[in-house]
Amino acid sequence: MYAESRDAYAFLAHRASPAWLKPFDDCADCTLHFVAATGGQARGDRFPHGARPRRVLAPLLSIFAMCGLLPGAEPVGPREGIVR
């Protein structure tokens, strides 16, 4: 979970506007994840494999872990390993 947040931060820091990182910079308990609401690429105006949520569990679990709702979750801060 933290490695993914670190990698997402590095990607956005190098390729996106600083505004994309503002929520992360403003909030102490924050992780970054990439989520696809459709689960795939569109071809024209259609999704050939259908539309389904993808990669939504990791962000949800990270929120639960930071709130102490997951027993056995590591109490490591979400900013560990992120170099600004």
PDB file of N, CA and C in Angstrom:
ATOM      1  N   MET A   1       0.830  -1.186   0.000  1.00  0.00           N
ATOM      2  CA  MET A   1       0.000   0.000   0.000  1.00  0.00           C
ATOM      3  C   MET A   1       0.876   1.251   0.000  1.00  0.00           C
ATOM      4  N   TYR A   2       1.899   1.277   0.852  1.00  0.00           N
ATOM      5  CA  TYR A   2       2.751   2.466   0.918  1.00  0.00           C
ATOM      6  C   TYR A   2       3.666   2.565  -0.286  1.00  0.00           C
ATOM      7  N   ALA A   3       4.103   1.426  -0.803  1.00  0.00           N
ATOM      8  CA  ALA A   3       4.944   1.445  -2.008  1.00  0.00           C
ATOM      9  C   ALA A   3       4.151   1.995  -3.185  1.00  0.00           C
ATOM     10  N   GLU A   4       2.884   1.613  -3.290  1.00  0.00           N
ATOM     11  CA  GLU A   4       2.053   2.131  -4.370  1.00  0.00           C
ATOM     12  C   GLU A   4       1.865   3.637  -4.229  1.00  0.00           C
ATOM     13  N   SER A   5       1.651   4.109  -3.011  1.00  0.00           N
ATOM     14  CA  SER A   5       1.490   5.534  -2.776  1.00  0.00           C
ATOM     15  C   SER A   5       2.774   6.280  -3.132  1.00  0.00           C
ATOM     16  N   ARG A   6       3.917   5.712  -2.766  1.00  0.00           N
ATOM     17  CA  ARG A   6       5.211   6.311  -3.102  1.00  0.00           C
ATOM     18  C   ARG A   6       5.391   6.408  -4.606  1.00  0.00           C
ATOM     19  N   ASP A   7       5.059   5.332  -5.310  1.00  0.00           N
ATOM     20  CA  ASP A   7       5.211   5.306  -6.767  1.00  0.00           C
ATOM     21  C   ASP A   7       4.248   6.279  -7.446  1.00  0.00           C
ATOM     22  N   ALA A   8       3.028   6.363  -6.950  1.00  0.00           N
ATOM     23  CA  ALA A   8       2.057   7.302  -7.517  1.00  0.00           C
ATOM     24  C   ALA A   8       2.529   8.740  -7.300  1.00  0.00           C
ATOM     25  N   TYR A   9       3.074   9.020  -6.115  1.00  0.00           N
ATOM     26  CA  TYR A   9       3.588  10.357  -5.833  1.00  0.00           C
ATOM     27  C   TYR A   9       4.727  10.697  -6.786  1.00  0.00           C
ATOM     28  N   ALA A  10       5.659   9.773  -6.973  1.00  0.00           N
ATOM     29  CA  ALA A  10       6.799  10.018  -7.864  1.00  0.00           C
ATOM     30  C   ALA A  10       6.318  10.266  -9.297  1.00  0.00           C
ATOM     31  N   PHE A  11       5.360   9.486  -9.753  1.00  0.00           N
ATOM     32  CA  PHE A  11       4.830   9.666 -11.106  1.00  0.00           C
ATOM     33  C   PHE A  11       4.199  11.049 -11.253  1.00  0.00           C
ATOM     34  N   LEU A  12       3.334  11.418 -10.312  1.00  0.00           N
ATOM     35  CA  LEU A  12       2.660  12.712 -10.394  1.00  0.00           C
ATOM     36  C   LEU A  12       3.627  13.881 -10.216  1.00  0.00           C
ATOM     37  N   ALA A  13       4.619  13.722  -9.358  1.00  0.00           N
ATOM     38  CA  ALA A  13       5.586  14.797  -9.136  1.00  0.00           C
ATOM     39  C   ALA A  13       6.387  15.100 -10.395  1.00  0.00           C
ATOM     40  N   HIS A  14       6.633  14.077 -11.197  1.00  0.00           N
ATOM     41  CA  HIS A  14       7.437  14.269 -12.406  1.00  0.00           C
ATOM     42  C   HIS A  14       6.607  14.577 -13.644  1.00  0.00           C
ATOM     43  N   ARG A  15       5.328  14.196 -13.668  1.00  0.00           N
ATOM     44  CA  ARG A  15       4.559  14.302 -14.910  1.00  0.00           C
ATOM     45  C   ARG A  15       3.292  15.144 -14.824  1.00  0.00           C
ATOM     46  N   ALA A  16       2.935  15.612 -13.649  1.00  0.00           N
ATOM     47  CA  ALA A  16       1.662  16.327 -13.519  1.00  0.00           C
ATOM     48  C   ALA A  16       1.871  17.704 -12.888  1.00  0.00           C
ATOM     49  N   SER A  17       0.826  18.468 -12.889  1.00  0.00           N
ATOM     50  CA  SER A  17       0.829  19.782 -12.254  1.00  0.00           C
ATOM     51  C   SER A  17       0.929  19.596 -10.734  1.00  0.00           C
ATOM     52  N   PRO A  18       1.575  20.527 -10.031  1.00  0.00           N
ATOM     53  CA  PRO A  18       1.632  20.434  -8.562  1.00  0.00           C
ATOM     54  C   PRO A  18       0.247  20.379  -7.908  1.00  0.00           C
ATOM     55  N   ALA A  19      -0.775  20.859  -8.596  1.00  0.00           N
ATOM     56  CA  ALA A  19      -2.130  20.823  -8.036  1.00  0.00           C
ATOM     57  C   ALA A  19      -2.597  19.393  -7.776  1.00  0.00           C
ATOM     58  N   TRP A  20      -2.105  18.420  -8.550  1.00  0.00           N
ATOM     59  CA  TRP A  20      -2.488  17.022  -8.352  1.00  0.00           C
ATOM     60  C   TRP A  20      -1.995  16.496  -7.007  1.00  0.00           C
ATOM     61  N   LEU A  21      -0.938  17.082  -6.458  1.00  0.00           N
ATOM     62  CA  LEU A  21      -0.378  16.618  -5.190  1.00  0.00           C
ATOM     63  C   LEU A  21      -0.853  17.448  -4.002  1.00  0.00           C
ATOM     64  N   LYS A  22      -1.625  18.498  -4.231  1.00  0.00           N
ATOM     65  CA  LYS A  22      -2.074  19.356  -3.139  1.00  0.00           C
ATOM     66  C   LYS A  22      -2.833  18.591  -2.056  1.00  0.00           C
ATOM     67  N   PRO A  23      -3.784  17.714  -2.396  1.00  0.00           N
ATOM     68  CA  PRO A  23      -4.456  16.972  -1.317  1.00  0.00           C
ATOM     69  C   PRO A  23      -3.475  16.163  -0.465  1.00  0.00           C
ATOM     70  N   PHE A  24      -2.484  15.573  -1.089  1.00  0.00           N
ATOM     71  CA  PHE A  24      -1.488  14.792  -0.357  1.00  0.00           C
ATOM     72  C   PHE A  24      -0.655  15.690   0.541  1.00  0.00           C
ATOM     73  N   ASP A  25      -0.284  16.862   0.031  1.00  0.00           N
ATOM     74  CA  ASP A  25       0.532  17.793   0.814  1.00  0.00           C
ATOM     75  C   ASP A  25      -0.248  18.429   1.953  1.00  0.00           C
ATOM     76  N   ASP A  26      -1.553  18.590   1.787  1.00  0.00           N
ATOM     77  CA  ASP A  26      -2.377  19.249   2.798  1.00  0.00           C
ATOM     78  C   ASP A  26      -2.882  18.317   3.896  1.00  0.00           C
ATOM     79  N   CYS A  27      -2.849  17.018   3.676  1.00  0.00           N
ATOM     80  CA  CYS A  27      -3.427  16.056   4.620  1.00  0.00           C
ATOM     81  C   CYS A  27      -2.350  15.118   5.160  1.00  0.00           C
ATOM     82  N   ALA A  28      -2.256  15.007   6.469  1.00  0.00           N
ATOM     83  CA  ALA A  28      -1.230  14.153   7.073  1.00  0.00           C
ATOM     84  C   ALA A  28      -1.505  12.668   6.839  1.00  0.00           C
ATOM     85  N   ASP A  29      -2.754  12.258   6.881  1.00  0.00           N
ATOM     86  CA  ASP A  29      -3.122  10.854   6.679  1.00  0.00           C
ATOM     87  C   ASP A  29      -3.688  10.684   5.275  1.00  0.00           C
ATOM     88  N   CYS A  30      -2.800  10.439   4.333  1.00  0.00           N
ATOM     89  CA  CYS A  30      -3.214  10.383   2.941  1.00  0.00           C
ATOM     90  C   CYS A  30      -2.341   9.380   2.200  1.00  0.00           C
ATOM     91  N   THR A  31      -2.938   8.621   1.317  1.00  0.00           N
ATOM     92  CA  THR A  31      -2.178   7.771   0.408  1.00  0.00           C
ATOM     93  C   THR A  31      -2.661   8.071  -1.001  1.00  0.00           C
ATOM     94  N   LEU A  32      -1.855   7.719  -1.975  1.00  0.00           N
ATOM     95  CA  LEU A  32      -2.194   7.952  -3.370  1.00  0.00           C
ATOM     96  C   LEU A  32      -2.339   6.623  -4.092  1.00  0.00           C
ATOM     97  N   HIS A  33      -3.379   6.503  -4.899  1.00  0.00           N
ATOM     98  CA  HIS A  33      -3.623   5.294  -5.665  1.00  0.00           C
ATOM     99  C   HIS A  33      -4.230   5.680  -7.005  1.00  0.00           C
ATOM    100  N   PHE A  34      -4.034   4.839  -7.994  1.00  0.00           N
ATOM    101  CA  PHE A  34      -4.698   5.023  -9.276  1.00  0.00           C
ATOM    102  C   PHE A  34      -5.833   4.014  -9.357  1.00  0.00           C
ATOM    103  N   VAL A  35      -7.020   4.504  -9.669  1.00  0.00           N
ATOM    104  CA  VAL A  35      -8.218   3.680  -9.721  1.00  0.00           C
ATOM    105  C   VAL A  35      -8.896   3.900 -11.063  1.00  0.00           C
ATOM    106  N   ALA A  36      -9.378   2.826 -11.658  1.00  0.00           N
ATOM    107  CA  ALA A  36     -10.098   2.934 -12.923  1.00  0.00           C
ATOM    108  C   ALA A  36     -11.572   2.640 -12.677  1.00  0.00           C
ATOM    109  N   ALA A  37     -12.406   3.610 -12.923  1.00  0.00           N
ATOM    110  CA  ALA A  37     -13.842   3.414 -12.723  1.00  0.00           C
ATOM    111  C   ALA A  37     -14.431   2.459 -13.746  1.00  0.00           C
ATOM    112  N   THR A  38     -13.785   2.329 -14.892  1.00  0.00           N
ATOM    113  CA  THR A  38     -14.321   1.470 -15.944  1.00  0.00           C
ATOM    114  C   THR A  38     -13.580   0.155 -16.053  1.00  0.00           C
ATOM    115  N   GLY A  39     -12.354   0.086 -15.591  1.00  0.00           N
ATOM    116  CA  GLY A  39     -11.587  -1.148 -15.664  1.00  0.00           C
ATOM    117  C   GLY A  39     -10.927  -1.416 -17.005  1.00  0.00           C
ATOM    118  N   GLY A  40     -11.003  -0.497 -17.933  1.00  0.00           N
ATOM    119  CA  GLY A  40     -10.377  -0.735 -19.233  1.00  0.00           C
ATOM    120  C   GLY A  40     -10.391   0.484 -20.125  1.00  0.00           C
ATOM    121  N   GLN A  41      -9.789   0.332 -21.277  1.00  0.00           N
ATOM    122  CA  GLN A  41      -9.713   1.409 -22.263  1.00  0.00           C
ATOM    123  C   GLN A  41     -10.954   1.413 -23.139  1.00  0.00           C
ATOM    124  N   ALA A  42     -11.373   2.608 -23.497  1.00  0.00           N
ATOM    125  CA  ALA A  42     -12.497   2.742 -24.426  1.00  0.00           C
ATOM    126  C   ALA A  42     -12.002   2.599 -25.856  1.00  0.00           C
ATOM    127  N   ARG A  43     -12.847   2.040 -26.674  1.00  0.00           N
ATOM    128  CA  ARG A  43     -12.619   2.018 -28.124  1.00  0.00           C
ATOM    129  C   ARG A  43     -13.779   2.781 -28.738  1.00  0.00           C
ATOM    130  N   GLY A  44     -13.468   3.990 -29.171  1.00  0.00           N
ATOM    131  CA  GLY A  44     -14.551   4.857 -29.626  1.00  0.00           C
ATOM    132  C   GLY A  44     -15.374   5.282 -28.430  1.00  0.00           C
ATOM    133  N   ASP A  45     -16.666   5.043 -28.495  1.00  0.00           N
ATOM    134  CA  ASP A  45     -17.543   5.388 -27.372  1.00  0.00           C
ATOM    135  C   ASP A  45     -18.006   4.151 -26.603  1.00  0.00           C
ATOM    136  N   ARG A  46     -17.272   3.042 -26.740  1.00  0.00           N
ATOM    137  CA  ARG A  46     -17.648   1.783 -26.074  1.00  0.00           C
ATOM    138  C   ARG A  46     -16.465   1.199 -25.298  1.00  0.00           C
ATOM    139  N   PHE A  47     -16.809   0.391 -24.304  1.00  0.00           N
ATOM    140  CA  PHE A  47     -15.820  -0.361 -23.557  1.00  0.00           C
ATOM    141  C   PHE A  47     -15.999  -1.831 -23.936  1.00  0.00           C
ATOM    142  N   PRO A  48     -15.112  -2.369 -24.781  1.00  0.00           N
ATOM    143  CA  PRO A  48     -15.320  -3.715 -25.315  1.00  0.00           C
ATOM    144  C   PRO A  48     -15.397  -4.816 -24.261  1.00  0.00           C
ATOM    145  N   HIS A  49     -14.797  -4.617 -23.116  1.00  0.00           N
ATOM    146  CA  HIS A  49     -14.831  -5.634 -22.063  1.00  0.00           C
ATOM    147  C   HIS A  49     -15.830  -5.281 -20.971  1.00  0.00           C
ATOM    148  N   GLY A  50     -16.713  -4.327 -21.266  1.00  0.00           N
ATOM    149  CA  GLY A  50     -17.687  -3.904 -20.268  1.00  0.00           C
ATOM    150  C   GLY A  50     -17.084  -2.866 -19.336  1.00  0.00           C
ATOM    151  N   ALA A  51     -17.885  -2.303 -18.485  1.00  0.00           N
ATOM    152  CA  ALA A  51     -17.424  -1.316 -17.505  1.00  0.00           C
ATOM    153  C   ALA A  51     -17.601  -1.904 -16.112  1.00  0.00           C
ATOM    154  N   ARG A  52     -16.548  -1.950 -15.376  1.00  0.00           N
ATOM    155  CA  ARG A  52     -16.580  -2.456 -14.005  1.00  0.00           C
ATOM    156  C   ARG A  52     -15.497  -1.744 -13.207  1.00  0.00           C
ATOM    157  N   PRO A  53     -15.713  -1.502 -11.914  1.00  0.00           N
ATOM    158  CA  PRO A  53     -14.704  -0.824 -11.112  1.00  0.00           C
ATOM    159  C   PRO A  53     -13.454  -1.692 -10.959  1.00  0.00           C
ATOM    160  N   ARG A  54     -12.309  -1.079 -11.032  1.00  0.00           N
ATOM    161  CA  ARG A  54     -11.039  -1.797 -10.886  1.00  0.00           C
ATOM    162  C   ARG A  54     -10.163  -1.040  -9.909  1.00  0.00           C
ATOM    163  N   ARG A  55      -9.416  -1.784  -9.104  1.00  0.00           N
ATOM    164  CA  ARG A  55      -8.427  -1.227  -8.199  1.00  0.00           C
ATOM    165  C   ARG A  55      -9.028  -0.279  -7.164  1.00  0.00           C
ATOM    166  N   VAL A  56     -10.231  -0.575  -6.716  1.00  0.00           N
ATOM    167  CA  VAL A  56     -10.854   0.276  -5.716  1.00  0.00           C
ATOM    168  C   VAL A  56     -10.640  -0.256  -4.297  1.00  0.00           C
ATOM    169  N   LEU A  57     -10.242  -1.515  -4.167  1.00  0.00           N
ATOM    170  CA  LEU A  57     -10.083  -2.106  -2.842  1.00  0.00           C
ATOM    171  C   LEU A  57      -8.867  -1.554  -2.102  1.00  0.00           C
ATOM    172  N   ALA A  58      -7.734  -1.394  -2.768  1.00  0.00           N
ATOM    173  CA  ALA A  58      -6.522  -0.903  -2.097  1.00  0.00           C
ATOM    174  C   ALA A  58      -6.721   0.473  -1.461  1.00  0.00           C
ATOM    175  N   PRO A  59      -7.311   1.446  -2.162  1.00  0.00           N
ATOM    176  CA  PRO A  59      -7.539   2.738  -1.507  1.00  0.00           C
ATOM    177  C   PRO A  59      -8.476   2.637  -0.305  1.00  0.00           C
ATOM    178  N   LEU A  60      -9.515   1.829  -0.427  1.00  0.00           N
ATOM    179  CA  LEU A  60     -10.441   1.662   0.686  1.00  0.00           C
ATOM    180  C   LEU A  60      -9.744   1.025   1.888  1.00  0.00           C
ATOM    181  N   LEU A  61      -8.956  -0.008   1.644  1.00  0.00           N
ATOM    182  CA  LEU A  61      -8.235  -0.656   2.743  1.00  0.00           C
ATOM    183  C   LEU A  61      -7.207   0.274   3.374  1.00  0.00           C
ATOM    184  N   SER A  62      -6.586   1.149   2.582  1.00  0.00           N
ATOM    185  CA  SER A  62      -5.618   2.084   3.151  1.00  0.00           C
ATOM    186  C   SER A  62      -6.306   3.054   4.110  1.00  0.00           C
ATOM    187  N   ILE A  63      -7.522   3.468   3.773  1.00  0.00           N
ATOM    188  CA  ILE A  63      -8.278   4.336   4.672  1.00  0.00           C
ATOM    189  C   ILE A  63      -8.617   3.590   5.958  1.00  0.00           C
ATOM    190  N   PHE A  64      -9.080   2.357   5.831  1.00  0.00           N
ATOM    191  CA  PHE A  64      -9.402   1.554   7.018  1.00  0.00           C
ATOM    192  C   PHE A  64      -8.166   1.344   7.894  1.00  0.00           C
ATOM    193  N   ALA A  65      -7.018   1.067   7.285  1.00  0.00           N
ATOM    194  CA  ALA A  65      -5.791   0.840   8.053  1.00  0.00           C
ATOM    195  C   ALA A  65      -5.368   2.098   8.805  1.00  0.00           C
ATOM    196  N   MET A  66      -5.432   3.252   8.147  1.00  0.00           N
ATOM    197  CA  MET A  66      -5.030   4.497   8.804  1.00  0.00           C
ATOM    198  C   MET A  66      -5.965   4.866   9.946  1.00  0.00           C
ATOM    199  N   CYS A  67      -7.214   4.403   9.886  1.00  0.00           N
ATOM    200  CA  CYS A  67      -8.179   4.688  10.946  1.00  0.00           C
ATOM    201  C   CYS A  67      -8.144   3.637  12.055  1.00  0.00           C
ATOM    202  N   GLY A  68      -7.295   2.620  11.911  1.00  0.00           N
ATOM    203  CA  GLY A  68      -7.186   1.585  12.930  1.00  0.00           C
ATOM    204  C   GLY A  68      -8.276   0.532  12.857  1.00  0.00           C
ATOM    205  N   LEU A  69      -8.963   0.434  11.737  1.00  0.00           N
ATOM    206  CA  LEU A  69     -10.055  -0.525  11.604  1.00  0.00           C
ATOM    207  C   LEU A  69      -9.599  -1.916  11.166  1.00  0.00           C
ATOM    208  N   LEU A  70      -8.341  -2.062  10.768  1.00  0.00           N
ATOM    209  CA  LEU A  70      -7.839  -3.362  10.328  1.00  0.00           C
ATOM    210  C   LEU A  70      -6.850  -3.900  11.353  1.00  0.00           C
ATOM    211  N   PRO A  71      -7.206  -4.956  12.061  1.00  0.00           N
ATOM    212  CA  PRO A  71      -6.283  -5.517  13.032  1.00  0.00           C
ATOM    213  C   PRO A  71      -5.029  -6.036  12.335  1.00  0.00           C
ATOM    214  N   GLY A  72      -3.886  -5.771  12.931  1.00  0.00           N
ATOM    215  CA  GLY A  72      -2.619  -6.244  12.380  1.00  0.00           C
ATOM    216  C   GLY A  72      -2.027  -5.343  11.322  1.00  0.00           C
ATOM    217  N   ALA A  73      -2.676  -4.234  10.986  1.00  0.00           N
ATOM    218  CA  ALA A  73      -2.123  -3.308   9.993  1.00  0.00           C
ATOM    219  C   ALA A  73      -0.924  -2.590  10.585  1.00  0.00           C
ATOM    220  N   GLU A  74       0.089  -2.419   9.774  1.00  0.00           N
ATOM    221  CA  GLU A  74       1.311  -1.759  10.230  1.00  0.00           C
ATOM    222  C   GLU A  74       1.034  -0.294  10.568  1.00  0.00           C
ATOM    223  N   PRO A  75       1.519   0.188  11.717  1.00  0.00           N
ATOM    224  CA  PRO A  75       1.288   1.588  12.090  1.00  0.00           C
ATOM    225  C   PRO A  75       2.292   2.534  11.450  1.00  0.00           C
ATOM    226  N   VAL A  76       2.724   2.255  10.232  1.00  0.00           N
ATOM    227  CA  VAL A  76       3.693   3.090   9.531  1.00  0.00           C
ATOM    228  C   VAL A  76       2.946   4.227   8.865  1.00  0.00           C
ATOM    229  N   GLY A  77       3.534   5.423   8.906  1.00  0.00           N
ATOM    230  CA  GLY A  77       2.899   6.587   8.278  1.00  0.00           C
ATOM    231  C   GLY A  77       2.871   6.451   6.763  1.00  0.00           C
ATOM    232  N   PRO A  78       1.856   6.980   6.110  1.00  0.00           N
ATOM    233  CA  PRO A  78       1.706   6.867   4.671  1.00  0.00           C
ATOM    234  C   PRO A  78       2.780   7.609   3.893  1.00  0.00           C
ATOM    235  N   ARG A  79       3.491   8.530   4.512  1.00  0.00           N
ATOM    236  CA  ARG A  79       4.495   9.321   3.808  1.00  0.00           C
ATOM    237  C   ARG A  79       5.869   8.653   3.808  1.00  0.00           C
ATOM    238  N   GLU A  80       5.983   7.511   4.446  1.00  0.00           N
ATOM    239  CA  GLU A  80       7.279   6.834   4.495  1.00  0.00           C
ATOM    240  C   GLU A  80       7.768   6.493   3.105  1.00  0.00           C
ATOM    241  N   GLY A  81       9.021   6.828   2.822  1.00  0.00           N
ATOM    242  CA  GLY A  81       9.614   6.502   1.554  1.00  0.00           C
ATOM    243  C   GLY A  81       9.375   7.517   0.459  1.00  0.00           C
ATOM    244  N   ILE A  82       8.616   8.577   0.755  1.00  0.00           N
ATOM    245  CA  ILE A  82       8.337   9.591  -0.255  1.00  0.00           C
ATOM    246  C   ILE A  82       9.303  10.741  -0.071  1.00  0.00           C
ATOM    247  N   VAL A  83      10.050  11.028  -1.124  1.00  0.00           N
ATOM    248  CA  VAL A  83      11.015  12.125  -1.101  1.00  0.00           C
ATOM    249  C   VAL A  83      10.475  13.242  -1.954  1.00  0.00           C
ATOM    250  N   ARG A  84      10.362  14.412  -1.381  1.00  0.00           N
ATOM    251  CA  ARG A  84       9.827  15.565  -2.128  1.00  0.00           C
ATOM    252  C   ARG A  84      10.930  16.390  -2.700  1.00  0.00           C
TER     253      ARG A  84
END
